[in-house]
Amino acid sequence: FICISLNGAHEVIAIRCVTIGLVNSTQVHPREVFADPITDRAAAVALAHNHPSGELKPSGQDLEVTKVLIEAGRILGIRVLDHVIVGADGGFVSLREDGGIRF
């Protein structure tokens, strides 16, 4: 699970690995996701994780975690711009565009 810290102009401040998952899951907690962006004084973040299976359809857990992170970001004043799922073949899906979530 990757978090990209962005400044007010949406320029990259830093790209960090938040957690490394197992074959079919990972633990993602807002405290861990936002710890570095807070230190960076980031204005926004972009999130990404992979689906080693190649299946790009977001899982229920993907959608729920994204909603929690968006709300945590609102509270902190750090906007979540997108959450991208990357497949094994290099394909990807944007939850902002295709996830049915209001960002």
N, C-alpha and C. Protein backbone atom coordinates (compact mmCIF):
# COMPACT_ATOMS: atom_id res chain seq x y z
N PHE A 1 0.86 -1.16 0.00
CA PHE A 1 0.00 0.00 0.00
C PHE A 1 0.90 1.22 0.00
N ILE A 2 0.73 2.07 -0.98
CA ILE A 2 1.58 3.24 -1.20
C ILE A 2 0.79 4.52 -0.93
N CYS A 3 1.46 5.49 -0.32
CA CYS A 3 0.88 6.82 -0.11
C CYS A 3 1.83 7.84 -0.71
N ILE A 4 1.28 8.69 -1.56
CA ILE A 4 2.05 9.76 -2.19
C ILE A 4 1.62 11.08 -1.57
N SER A 5 2.56 11.75 -0.89
CA SER A 5 2.29 13.07 -0.29
C SER A 5 2.44 14.14 -1.37
N LEU A 6 1.48 15.07 -1.41
CA LEU A 6 1.47 16.12 -2.42
C LEU A 6 1.34 17.49 -1.76
N ASN A 7 2.00 18.48 -2.34
CA ASN A 7 1.87 19.84 -1.82
C ASN A 7 0.61 20.50 -2.38
N GLY A 8 0.43 21.78 -2.10
CA GLY A 8 -0.77 22.49 -2.53
C GLY A 8 -0.94 22.57 -4.04
N ALA A 9 0.16 22.48 -4.78
CA ALA A 9 0.11 22.48 -6.25
C ALA A 9 0.01 21.05 -6.80
N HIS A 10 -0.18 20.09 -5.92
CA HIS A 10 -0.24 18.66 -6.24
C HIS A 10 1.05 18.13 -6.85
N GLU A 11 2.16 18.73 -6.42
CA GLU A 11 3.48 18.22 -6.78
C GLU A 11 3.89 17.19 -5.73
N VAL A 12 4.61 16.17 -6.17
CA VAL A 12 5.00 15.10 -5.27
C VAL A 12 6.04 15.58 -4.26
N ILE A 13 5.73 15.36 -2.99
CA ILE A 13 6.68 15.61 -1.90
C ILE A 13 7.47 14.33 -1.64
N ALA A 14 6.73 13.22 -1.50
CA ALA A 14 7.36 11.93 -1.20
C ALA A 14 6.43 10.79 -1.58
N ILE A 15 7.02 9.64 -1.90
CA ILE A 15 6.28 8.41 -2.17
C ILE A 15 6.76 7.39 -1.15
N ARG A 16 5.83 6.83 -0.40
CA ARG A 16 6.23 5.89 0.66
C ARG A 16 5.36 4.64 0.66
N CYS A 17 6.01 3.54 1.00
CA CYS A 17 5.29 2.30 1.24
C CYS A 17 4.76 2.34 2.67
N VAL A 18 3.46 2.23 2.82
CA VAL A 18 2.83 2.26 4.15
C VAL A 18 2.83 0.87 4.75
N THR A 19 2.50 -0.12 3.95
CA THR A 19 2.44 -1.49 4.44
C THR A 19 2.64 -2.46 3.29
N ILE A 20 3.17 -3.62 3.62
CA ILE A 20 3.31 -4.71 2.64
C ILE A 20 2.37 -5.82 3.08
N GLY A 21 1.52 -6.23 2.18
CA GLY A 21 0.51 -7.21 2.52
C GLY A 21 0.94 -8.64 2.27
N LEU A 22 -0.01 -9.52 2.51
CA LEU A 22 0.18 -10.94 2.24
C LEU A 22 -0.30 -11.21 0.82
N VAL A 23 -0.51 -12.46 0.50
CA VAL A 23 -0.92 -12.83 -0.85
C VAL A 23 -2.26 -12.20 -1.24
N ASN A 24 -3.20 -12.14 -0.29
CA ASN A 24 -4.53 -11.66 -0.66
C ASN A 24 -5.11 -10.59 0.27
N SER A 25 -4.28 -9.99 1.12
CA SER A 25 -4.80 -8.94 1.99
C SER A 25 -3.66 -8.13 2.61
N THR A 26 -4.03 -6.98 3.14
CA THR A 26 -3.10 -6.16 3.90
C THR A 26 -3.89 -5.35 4.92
N GLN A 27 -3.25 -4.97 5.98
CA GLN A 27 -3.87 -4.13 7.00
C GLN A 27 -3.56 -2.67 6.68
N VAL A 28 -4.59 -1.85 6.59
CA VAL A 28 -4.40 -0.43 6.32
C VAL A 28 -5.14 0.35 7.40
N HIS A 29 -4.42 1.23 8.09
CA HIS A 29 -5.02 2.03 9.16
C HIS A 29 -4.73 3.50 8.89
N PRO A 30 -5.72 4.37 9.08
CA PRO A 30 -5.51 5.79 8.81
C PRO A 30 -4.30 6.38 9.55
N ARG A 31 -4.06 5.94 10.76
CA ARG A 31 -2.92 6.45 11.53
C ARG A 31 -1.62 6.25 10.77
N GLU A 32 -1.45 5.07 10.19
CA GLU A 32 -0.23 4.74 9.45
C GLU A 32 -0.19 5.46 8.10
N VAL A 33 -1.33 5.55 7.44
CA VAL A 33 -1.38 6.20 6.12
C VAL A 33 -1.04 7.68 6.22
N PHE A 34 -1.56 8.36 7.24
CA PHE A 34 -1.40 9.82 7.33
C PHE A 34 -0.23 10.28 8.19
N ALA A 35 0.48 9.38 8.84
CA ALA A 35 1.59 9.79 9.71
C ALA A 35 2.63 10.62 8.96
N ASP A 36 3.11 10.12 7.84
CA ASP A 36 4.12 10.86 7.08
C ASP A 36 3.56 12.09 6.37
N PRO A 37 2.38 12.01 5.74
CA PRO A 37 1.84 13.23 5.12
C PRO A 37 1.65 14.37 6.12
N ILE A 38 1.32 14.06 7.37
CA ILE A 38 1.20 15.11 8.38
C ILE A 38 2.56 15.75 8.61
N THR A 39 3.59 14.92 8.76
CA THR A 39 4.95 15.42 8.94
C THR A 39 5.41 16.22 7.73
N ASP A 40 5.00 15.79 6.54
CA ASP A 40 5.36 16.49 5.30
C ASP A 40 4.61 17.81 5.12
N ARG A 41 3.61 18.03 5.94
CA ARG A 41 2.71 19.18 5.78
C ARG A 41 2.02 19.11 4.42
N ALA A 42 1.65 17.90 4.02
CA ALA A 42 1.02 17.67 2.72
C ALA A 42 -0.38 18.28 2.68
N ALA A 43 -0.76 18.75 1.51
CA ALA A 43 -2.10 19.27 1.29
C ALA A 43 -3.03 18.17 0.79
N ALA A 44 -2.44 17.15 0.17
CA ALA A 44 -3.24 16.07 -0.41
C ALA A 44 -2.39 14.80 -0.48
N VAL A 45 -3.07 13.68 -0.71
CA VAL A 45 -2.39 12.41 -0.93
C VAL A 45 -3.07 11.67 -2.08
N ALA A 46 -2.31 10.80 -2.70
CA ALA A 46 -2.84 9.82 -3.65
C ALA A 46 -2.43 8.46 -3.10
N LEU A 47 -3.32 7.49 -3.21
CA LEU A 47 -3.09 6.17 -2.65
C LEU A 47 -3.07 5.13 -3.75
N ALA A 48 -2.33 4.06 -3.54
CA ALA A 48 -2.28 2.99 -4.52
C ALA A 48 -1.95 1.68 -3.83
N HIS A 49 -2.48 0.61 -4.38
CA HIS A 49 -2.09 -0.73 -3.95
C HIS A 49 -2.27 -1.68 -5.12
N ASN A 50 -1.69 -2.86 -4.98
CA ASN A 50 -1.77 -3.81 -6.09
C ASN A 50 -2.72 -4.95 -5.78
N HIS A 51 -3.18 -5.58 -6.84
CA HIS A 51 -3.93 -6.83 -6.77
C HIS A 51 -3.10 -7.86 -7.54
N PRO A 52 -2.31 -8.66 -6.83
CA PRO A 52 -1.45 -9.63 -7.52
C PRO A 52 -2.21 -10.61 -8.41
N SER A 53 -3.50 -10.81 -8.12
CA SER A 53 -4.31 -11.72 -8.93
C SER A 53 -4.54 -11.17 -10.33
N GLY A 54 -4.37 -9.85 -10.48
CA GLY A 54 -4.65 -9.21 -11.76
C GLY A 54 -6.07 -8.70 -11.85
N GLU A 55 -6.94 -9.12 -10.93
CA GLU A 55 -8.34 -8.68 -10.90
C GLU A 55 -8.37 -7.21 -10.49
N LEU A 56 -8.89 -6.37 -11.34
CA LEU A 56 -8.89 -4.93 -11.05
C LEU A 56 -10.14 -4.46 -10.34
N LYS A 57 -11.17 -5.28 -10.31
CA LYS A 57 -12.40 -4.86 -9.64
C LYS A 57 -12.12 -4.66 -8.15
N PRO A 58 -12.46 -3.47 -7.61
CA PRO A 58 -12.21 -3.22 -6.19
C PRO A 58 -13.06 -4.14 -5.32
N SER A 59 -12.45 -4.65 -4.28
CA SER A 59 -13.18 -5.49 -3.33
C SER A 59 -14.01 -4.61 -2.42
N GLY A 60 -14.91 -5.21 -1.67
CA GLY A 60 -15.67 -4.48 -0.68
C GLY A 60 -14.75 -3.83 0.34
N GLN A 61 -13.68 -4.54 0.71
CA GLN A 61 -12.71 -4.00 1.67
C GLN A 61 -11.97 -2.80 1.06
N ASP A 62 -11.63 -2.87 -0.22
CA ASP A 62 -10.98 -1.73 -0.90
C ASP A 62 -11.86 -0.48 -0.80
N LEU A 63 -13.14 -0.65 -1.07
CA LEU A 63 -14.06 0.48 -1.06
C LEU A 63 -14.24 1.03 0.35
N GLU A 64 -14.37 0.13 1.33
CA GLU A 64 -14.56 0.56 2.71
C GLU A 64 -13.33 1.29 3.24
N VAL A 65 -12.14 0.75 2.99
CA VAL A 65 -10.91 1.39 3.45
C VAL A 65 -10.77 2.77 2.80
N THR A 66 -11.11 2.87 1.54
CA THR A 66 -11.02 4.15 0.84
C THR A 66 -11.94 5.18 1.47
N LYS A 67 -13.16 4.79 1.78
CA LYS A 67 -14.11 5.71 2.42
C LYS A 67 -13.58 6.17 3.78
N VAL A 68 -13.03 5.25 4.56
CA VAL A 68 -12.48 5.60 5.87
C VAL A 68 -11.32 6.58 5.71
N LEU A 69 -10.45 6.33 4.73
CA LEU A 69 -9.30 7.21 4.52
C LEU A 69 -9.72 8.59 4.01
N ILE A 70 -10.73 8.65 3.19
CA ILE A 70 -11.24 9.95 2.72
C ILE A 70 -11.75 10.75 3.92
N GLU A 71 -12.51 10.10 4.80
CA GLU A 71 -13.05 10.79 5.97
C GLU A 71 -11.93 11.22 6.92
N ALA A 72 -10.95 10.36 7.14
CA ALA A 72 -9.81 10.71 7.99
C ALA A 72 -9.07 11.91 7.39
N GLY A 73 -8.88 11.90 6.08
CA GLY A 73 -8.22 13.01 5.41
C GLY A 73 -9.01 14.31 5.58
N ARG A 74 -10.33 14.23 5.50
CA ARG A 74 -11.16 15.43 5.70
C ARG A 74 -10.93 16.01 7.10
N ILE A 75 -10.91 15.13 8.08
CA ILE A 75 -10.71 15.58 9.46
C ILE A 75 -9.34 16.24 9.61
N LEU A 76 -8.32 15.67 8.96
CA LEU A 76 -6.96 16.18 9.07
C LEU A 76 -6.67 17.37 8.16
N GLY A 77 -7.55 17.61 7.21
CA GLY A 77 -7.31 18.68 6.24
C GLY A 77 -6.35 18.26 5.14
N ILE A 78 -6.28 16.96 4.88
CA ILE A 78 -5.44 16.42 3.80
C ILE A 78 -6.36 15.69 2.84
N ARG A 79 -6.53 16.24 1.67
CA ARG A 79 -7.47 15.67 0.69
C ARG A 79 -6.92 14.39 0.06
N VAL A 80 -7.77 13.37 -0.01
CA VAL A 80 -7.43 12.16 -0.75
C VAL A 80 -7.89 12.38 -2.19
N LEU A 81 -6.93 12.45 -3.11
CA LEU A 81 -7.26 12.74 -4.51
C LEU A 81 -7.73 11.51 -5.26
N ASP A 82 -7.14 10.35 -4.97
CA ASP A 82 -7.52 9.12 -5.68
C ASP A 82 -6.93 7.93 -4.96
N HIS A 83 -7.47 6.78 -5.26
CA HIS A 83 -6.94 5.50 -4.80
C HIS A 83 -6.92 4.61 -6.04
N VAL A 84 -5.74 4.20 -6.44
CA VAL A 84 -5.56 3.43 -7.67
C VAL A 84 -5.21 1.99 -7.33
N ILE A 85 -5.86 1.06 -8.01
CA ILE A 85 -5.53 -0.36 -7.88
C ILE A 85 -4.77 -0.77 -9.13
N VAL A 86 -3.60 -1.38 -8.94
CA VAL A 86 -2.75 -1.80 -10.05
C VAL A 86 -2.79 -3.32 -10.14
N GLY A 87 -2.99 -3.83 -11.35
CA GLY A 87 -3.03 -5.27 -11.56
C GLY A 87 -1.67 -5.83 -11.92
N ALA A 88 -1.56 -7.14 -11.89
CA ALA A 88 -0.31 -7.84 -12.17
C ALA A 88 0.18 -7.57 -13.60
N ASP A 89 -0.74 -7.31 -14.52
CA ASP A 89 -0.36 -7.11 -15.92
C ASP A 89 -0.07 -5.65 -16.25
N GLY A 90 -0.08 -4.78 -15.22
CA GLY A 90 0.18 -3.36 -15.45
C GLY A 90 -1.07 -2.54 -15.66
N GLY A 91 -2.23 -3.21 -15.75
CA GLY A 91 -3.48 -2.47 -15.85
C GLY A 91 -3.79 -1.80 -14.52
N PHE A 92 -4.70 -0.85 -14.54
CA PHE A 92 -5.06 -0.18 -13.28
C PHE A 92 -6.49 0.33 -13.36
N VAL A 93 -7.03 0.63 -12.19
CA VAL A 93 -8.35 1.25 -12.09
C VAL A 93 -8.28 2.34 -11.04
N SER A 94 -8.90 3.45 -11.34
CA SER A 94 -8.99 4.59 -10.43
C SER A 94 -10.32 4.50 -9.69
N LEU A 95 -10.27 4.47 -8.36
CA LEU A 95 -11.51 4.43 -7.60
C LEU A 95 -12.25 5.77 -7.69
N ARG A 96 -11.54 6.83 -7.98
CA ARG A 96 -12.17 8.13 -8.19
C ARG A 96 -13.06 8.07 -9.43
N GLU A 97 -12.54 7.44 -10.48
CA GLU A 97 -13.29 7.38 -11.74
C GLU A 97 -14.27 6.23 -11.80
N ASP A 98 -13.89 5.07 -11.25
CA ASP A 98 -14.66 3.85 -11.46
C ASP A 98 -15.14 3.17 -10.20
N GLY A 99 -14.91 3.78 -9.04
CA GLY A 99 -15.25 3.11 -7.80
C GLY A 99 -16.58 3.48 -7.19
N GLY A 100 -17.25 4.46 -7.77
CA GLY A 100 -18.53 4.88 -7.24
C GLY A 100 -18.43 5.56 -5.88
N ILE A 101 -17.25 6.11 -5.57
CA ILE A 101 -17.02 6.79 -4.29
C ILE A 101 -16.91 8.28 -4.55
N ARG A 102 -17.52 9.06 -3.68
CA ARG A 102 -17.42 10.51 -3.78
C ARG A 102 -16.15 10.96 -3.06
N PHE A 103 -15.22 11.54 -3.78
CA PHE A 103 -13.95 11.98 -3.20
C PHE A 103 -14.03 13.40 -2.76
